[in-house]
Amino acid sequence: MVRRSSPARERRLLSLGKNITSWRKLQGMSAAELARRAHVTRDTLRAIEHGTGSPKIESLMSVITALGFADHFVSGTDPFKTDSGRALALEVIGKK
C-alpha cells in the first residue's frame, strides 16, 4: 500500500482527531464508552483521535454518528455549501 503523507495532511488528521476528542469530552463520555457506542475497538478510536493509522471510513462514520454530528460532517463536504465549490460550479456551467 502506498502511504500518502504530507505535513498538511498530518495536521488535518490531527485536528480532526482533536475535534473528535473534544466532542467526546464535552459530552462527558469516556473513550471506552464512545468505542462501545460506536462499535469500534478502543485501538481504532485511539487511532482516530490521534490522527494516526488507517481506520476504515465506516469506523470514522460510526464514531461521529455516536457523537451526534455525522449529518454536519457530511453536509460539510457538500461543494455547493462552500464559496470555492460554488465558484467551481459556475466555472463548469460557464464552459458548457
N, C-alpha and C. Protein backbone atom coordinates (compact mmCIF):
# COMPACT_ATOMS: atom_id res chain seq x y z
N MET A 1 0.84 -1.17 0.00
CA MET A 1 0.00 0.00 0.00
C MET A 1 0.89 1.24 0.00
N VAL A 2 0.50 2.24 -0.76
CA VAL A 2 1.25 3.49 -0.85
C VAL A 2 0.82 4.40 0.28
N ARG A 3 1.78 4.96 0.97
CA ARG A 3 1.46 5.90 2.05
C ARG A 3 1.50 7.30 1.47
N ARG A 4 0.37 7.97 1.55
CA ARG A 4 0.27 9.34 1.05
C ARG A 4 0.33 10.27 2.25
N SER A 5 1.48 10.81 2.50
CA SER A 5 1.66 11.63 3.69
C SER A 5 2.23 12.99 3.30
N SER A 6 1.76 13.97 4.01
CA SER A 6 2.31 15.31 3.86
C SER A 6 2.08 16.03 5.18
N PRO A 7 2.85 17.07 5.44
CA PRO A 7 2.64 17.82 6.68
C PRO A 7 1.21 18.37 6.80
N ALA A 8 0.66 18.86 5.69
CA ALA A 8 -0.70 19.41 5.73
C ALA A 8 -1.72 18.32 6.04
N ARG A 9 -1.56 17.16 5.43
CA ARG A 9 -2.48 16.05 5.69
C ARG A 9 -2.39 15.62 7.14
N GLU A 10 -1.18 15.51 7.65
CA GLU A 10 -1.00 15.10 9.05
C GLU A 10 -1.61 16.12 10.01
N ARG A 11 -1.48 17.41 9.70
CA ARG A 11 -2.10 18.46 10.54
C ARG A 11 -3.62 18.33 10.54
N ARG A 12 -4.18 18.07 9.36
CA ARG A 12 -5.64 17.94 9.26
C ARG A 12 -6.14 16.72 10.03
N LEU A 13 -5.43 15.61 9.91
CA LEU A 13 -5.83 14.41 10.64
C LEU A 13 -5.73 14.63 12.14
N LEU A 14 -4.67 15.30 12.56
CA LEU A 14 -4.51 15.59 13.98
C LEU A 14 -5.61 16.53 14.47
N SER A 15 -5.94 17.54 13.69
CA SER A 15 -7.02 18.47 14.06
C SER A 15 -8.36 17.75 14.12
N LEU A 16 -8.63 16.89 13.15
CA LEU A 16 -9.88 16.13 13.17
C LEU A 16 -9.94 15.25 14.42
N GLY A 17 -8.86 14.59 14.73
CA GLY A 17 -8.80 13.75 15.92
C GLY A 17 -9.02 14.54 17.19
N LYS A 18 -8.39 15.71 17.29
CA LYS A 18 -8.57 16.56 18.47
C LYS A 18 -10.01 17.04 18.59
N ASN A 19 -10.62 17.36 17.45
CA ASN A 19 -12.01 17.80 17.48
C ASN A 19 -12.93 16.68 17.93
N ILE A 20 -12.67 15.47 17.48
CA ILE A 20 -13.47 14.32 17.91
C ILE A 20 -13.29 14.10 19.41
N THR A 21 -12.07 14.21 19.89
CA THR A 21 -11.82 14.07 21.32
C THR A 21 -12.57 15.15 22.10
N SER A 22 -12.56 16.36 21.60
CA SER A 22 -13.27 17.46 22.27
C SER A 22 -14.77 17.18 22.33
N TRP A 23 -15.34 16.72 21.21
CA TRP A 23 -16.77 16.38 21.19
C TRP A 23 -17.07 15.32 22.26
N ARG A 24 -16.21 14.31 22.32
CA ARG A 24 -16.41 13.23 23.29
C ARG A 24 -16.36 13.76 24.72
N LYS A 25 -15.35 14.57 25.01
CA LYS A 25 -15.19 15.10 26.36
C LYS A 25 -16.31 16.07 26.72
N LEU A 26 -16.75 16.90 25.77
CA LEU A 26 -17.85 17.82 26.04
C LEU A 26 -19.13 17.08 26.40
N GLN A 27 -19.25 15.87 25.88
CA GLN A 27 -20.43 15.05 26.19
C GLN A 27 -20.22 14.19 27.43
N GLY A 28 -19.07 14.37 28.07
CA GLY A 28 -18.79 13.63 29.31
C GLY A 28 -18.64 12.13 29.08
N MET A 29 -18.14 11.77 27.92
CA MET A 29 -18.04 10.36 27.56
C MET A 29 -16.58 9.90 27.63
N SER A 30 -16.37 8.75 28.21
CA SER A 30 -15.02 8.19 28.21
C SER A 30 -14.74 7.60 26.83
N ALA A 31 -13.47 7.38 26.57
CA ALA A 31 -13.09 6.76 25.30
C ALA A 31 -13.67 5.35 25.20
N ALA A 32 -13.66 4.63 26.31
CA ALA A 32 -14.21 3.27 26.30
C ALA A 32 -15.71 3.30 25.98
N GLU A 33 -16.43 4.27 26.53
CA GLU A 33 -17.87 4.38 26.28
C GLU A 33 -18.13 4.73 24.82
N LEU A 34 -17.39 5.67 24.25
CA LEU A 34 -17.58 6.03 22.85
C LEU A 34 -17.26 4.85 21.94
N ALA A 35 -16.18 4.14 22.23
CA ALA A 35 -15.83 2.96 21.42
C ALA A 35 -16.96 1.94 21.47
N ARG A 36 -17.53 1.73 22.64
CA ARG A 36 -18.63 0.78 22.78
C ARG A 36 -19.84 1.23 21.98
N ARG A 37 -20.20 2.51 22.11
CA ARG A 37 -21.37 3.04 21.39
C ARG A 37 -21.18 3.02 19.88
N ALA A 38 -19.96 3.24 19.45
CA ALA A 38 -19.66 3.28 18.01
C ALA A 38 -19.37 1.90 17.43
N HIS A 39 -19.29 0.90 18.30
CA HIS A 39 -19.00 -0.48 17.87
C HIS A 39 -17.65 -0.56 17.16
N VAL A 40 -16.66 0.13 17.75
CA VAL A 40 -15.28 0.05 17.26
C VAL A 40 -14.40 -0.34 18.43
N THR A 41 -13.21 -0.81 18.13
CA THR A 41 -12.30 -1.15 19.22
C THR A 41 -11.72 0.12 19.82
N ARG A 42 -11.22 0.00 21.02
CA ARG A 42 -10.57 1.14 21.68
C ARG A 42 -9.34 1.57 20.88
N ASP A 43 -8.63 0.62 20.29
CA ASP A 43 -7.47 0.96 19.46
C ASP A 43 -7.87 1.75 18.22
N THR A 44 -8.99 1.39 17.60
CA THR A 44 -9.47 2.14 16.44
C THR A 44 -9.83 3.56 16.84
N LEU A 45 -10.53 3.71 17.95
CA LEU A 45 -10.88 5.06 18.42
C LEU A 45 -9.62 5.85 18.74
N ARG A 46 -8.66 5.22 19.36
CA ARG A 46 -7.40 5.91 19.69
C ARG A 46 -6.72 6.42 18.41
N ALA A 47 -6.71 5.59 17.36
CA ALA A 47 -6.10 5.99 16.09
C ALA A 47 -6.85 7.19 15.49
N ILE A 48 -8.17 7.15 15.55
CA ILE A 48 -8.96 8.27 15.02
C ILE A 48 -8.68 9.54 15.81
N GLU A 49 -8.69 9.43 17.13
CA GLU A 49 -8.48 10.61 17.97
C GLU A 49 -7.06 11.16 17.88
N HIS A 50 -6.10 10.33 17.51
CA HIS A 50 -4.72 10.79 17.37
C HIS A 50 -4.35 11.09 15.93
N GLY A 51 -5.27 10.85 15.00
CA GLY A 51 -5.00 11.12 13.59
C GLY A 51 -3.94 10.22 13.01
N THR A 52 -3.90 8.98 13.50
CA THR A 52 -2.87 8.04 13.04
C THR A 52 -3.53 6.78 12.50
N GLY A 53 -2.71 5.92 11.93
CA GLY A 53 -3.21 4.65 11.44
C GLY A 53 -4.06 4.81 10.20
N SER A 54 -4.80 3.77 9.91
CA SER A 54 -5.66 3.77 8.72
C SER A 54 -7.04 3.21 9.07
N PRO A 55 -7.77 3.91 9.94
CA PRO A 55 -9.09 3.39 10.27
C PRO A 55 -10.01 3.44 9.05
N LYS A 56 -10.93 2.50 8.99
CA LYS A 56 -11.89 2.47 7.89
C LYS A 56 -12.82 3.67 7.98
N ILE A 57 -13.29 4.10 6.84
CA ILE A 57 -14.22 5.23 6.82
C ILE A 57 -15.50 4.87 7.58
N GLU A 58 -15.87 3.58 7.55
CA GLU A 58 -17.05 3.13 8.30
C GLU A 58 -16.84 3.34 9.80
N SER A 59 -15.62 3.13 10.27
CA SER A 59 -15.32 3.34 11.68
C SER A 59 -15.42 4.81 12.05
N LEU A 60 -14.88 5.67 11.20
CA LEU A 60 -14.98 7.11 11.44
C LEU A 60 -16.44 7.54 11.48
N MET A 61 -17.24 7.05 10.51
CA MET A 61 -18.66 7.39 10.48
C MET A 61 -19.37 6.90 11.73
N SER A 62 -19.03 5.72 12.20
CA SER A 62 -19.64 5.18 13.42
C SER A 62 -19.34 6.07 14.62
N VAL A 63 -18.11 6.55 14.70
CA VAL A 63 -17.71 7.41 15.82
C VAL A 63 -18.44 8.74 15.77
N ILE A 64 -18.46 9.39 14.61
CA ILE A 64 -19.11 10.69 14.55
C ILE A 64 -20.63 10.56 14.64
N THR A 65 -21.18 9.43 14.25
CA THR A 65 -22.60 9.19 14.44
C THR A 65 -22.91 9.05 15.92
N ALA A 66 -22.08 8.29 16.63
CA ALA A 66 -22.28 8.11 18.07
C ALA A 66 -22.15 9.44 18.82
N LEU A 67 -21.35 10.36 18.28
CA LEU A 67 -21.19 11.68 18.90
C LEU A 67 -22.30 12.65 18.49
N GLY A 68 -23.04 12.30 17.45
CA GLY A 68 -24.19 13.10 17.06
C GLY A 68 -23.95 14.20 16.06
N PHE A 69 -22.83 14.16 15.34
CA PHE A 69 -22.61 15.22 14.35
C PHE A 69 -22.30 14.69 12.96
N ALA A 70 -22.75 13.49 12.65
CA ALA A 70 -22.49 12.91 11.33
C ALA A 70 -23.15 13.73 10.23
N ASP A 71 -24.38 14.20 10.45
CA ASP A 71 -25.05 14.99 9.42
C ASP A 71 -24.28 16.27 9.11
N HIS A 72 -23.75 16.92 10.13
CA HIS A 72 -22.97 18.15 9.93
C HIS A 72 -21.66 17.84 9.19
N PHE A 73 -21.05 16.73 9.53
CA PHE A 73 -19.81 16.32 8.90
C PHE A 73 -20.03 16.07 7.41
N VAL A 74 -21.08 15.33 7.09
CA VAL A 74 -21.38 15.01 5.70
C VAL A 74 -21.78 16.27 4.93
N SER A 75 -22.60 17.12 5.53
CA SER A 75 -23.01 18.33 4.82
C SER A 75 -21.83 19.27 4.60
N GLY A 76 -20.81 19.17 5.45
CA GLY A 76 -19.61 19.98 5.27
C GLY A 76 -18.83 19.63 4.02
N THR A 77 -19.13 18.48 3.43
CA THR A 77 -18.45 18.08 2.20
C THR A 77 -19.24 18.46 0.95
N ASP A 78 -20.41 19.07 1.14
CA ASP A 78 -21.24 19.48 0.01
C ASP A 78 -20.59 20.66 -0.69
N PRO A 79 -20.17 20.49 -1.95
CA PRO A 79 -19.45 21.58 -2.62
C PRO A 79 -20.31 22.83 -2.82
N PHE A 80 -21.61 22.67 -2.85
CA PHE A 80 -22.48 23.82 -3.09
C PHE A 80 -22.73 24.64 -1.82
N LYS A 81 -22.15 24.19 -0.70
CA LYS A 81 -22.28 24.94 0.55
C LYS A 81 -20.99 25.69 0.88
N THR A 82 -20.07 25.74 -0.08
CA THR A 82 -18.83 26.48 0.12
C THR A 82 -18.64 27.48 -1.02
N ASP A 83 -17.95 28.56 -0.73
CA ASP A 83 -17.67 29.56 -1.76
C ASP A 83 -16.87 28.97 -2.91
N SER A 84 -15.84 28.18 -2.57
CA SER A 84 -14.99 27.62 -3.63
C SER A 84 -15.76 26.60 -4.47
N GLY A 85 -16.63 25.81 -3.85
CA GLY A 85 -17.42 24.84 -4.60
C GLY A 85 -18.41 25.52 -5.53
N ARG A 86 -19.05 26.58 -5.05
CA ARG A 86 -19.99 27.32 -5.90
C ARG A 86 -19.25 27.99 -7.06
N ALA A 87 -18.06 28.51 -6.79
CA ALA A 87 -17.28 29.14 -7.86
C ALA A 87 -16.90 28.11 -8.92
N LEU A 88 -16.50 26.92 -8.51
CA LEU A 88 -16.18 25.87 -9.47
C LEU A 88 -17.41 25.47 -10.27
N ALA A 89 -18.55 25.40 -9.62
CA ALA A 89 -19.78 25.03 -10.32
C ALA A 89 -20.11 26.08 -11.39
N LEU A 90 -19.97 27.35 -11.04
CA LEU A 90 -20.23 28.41 -12.01
C LEU A 90 -19.24 28.33 -13.18
N GLU A 91 -18.00 27.99 -12.86
CA GLU A 91 -16.98 27.85 -13.91
C GLU A 91 -17.34 26.69 -14.85
N VAL A 92 -17.78 25.58 -14.31
CA VAL A 92 -18.16 24.41 -15.12
C VAL A 92 -19.39 24.76 -15.97
N ILE A 93 -20.36 25.41 -15.37
CA ILE A 93 -21.57 25.78 -16.11
C ILE A 93 -21.21 26.74 -17.23
N GLY A 94 -20.29 27.66 -16.97
CA GLY A 94 -19.88 28.63 -17.98
C GLY A 94 -19.17 28.01 -19.16
N LYS A 95 -18.56 26.84 -18.97
CA LYS A 95 -17.84 26.17 -20.06
C LYS A 95 -18.77 25.41 -20.98
N LYS A 96 -20.01 25.23 -20.58
CA LYS A 96 -20.95 24.45 -21.41
C LYS A 96 -21.61 25.30 -22.45
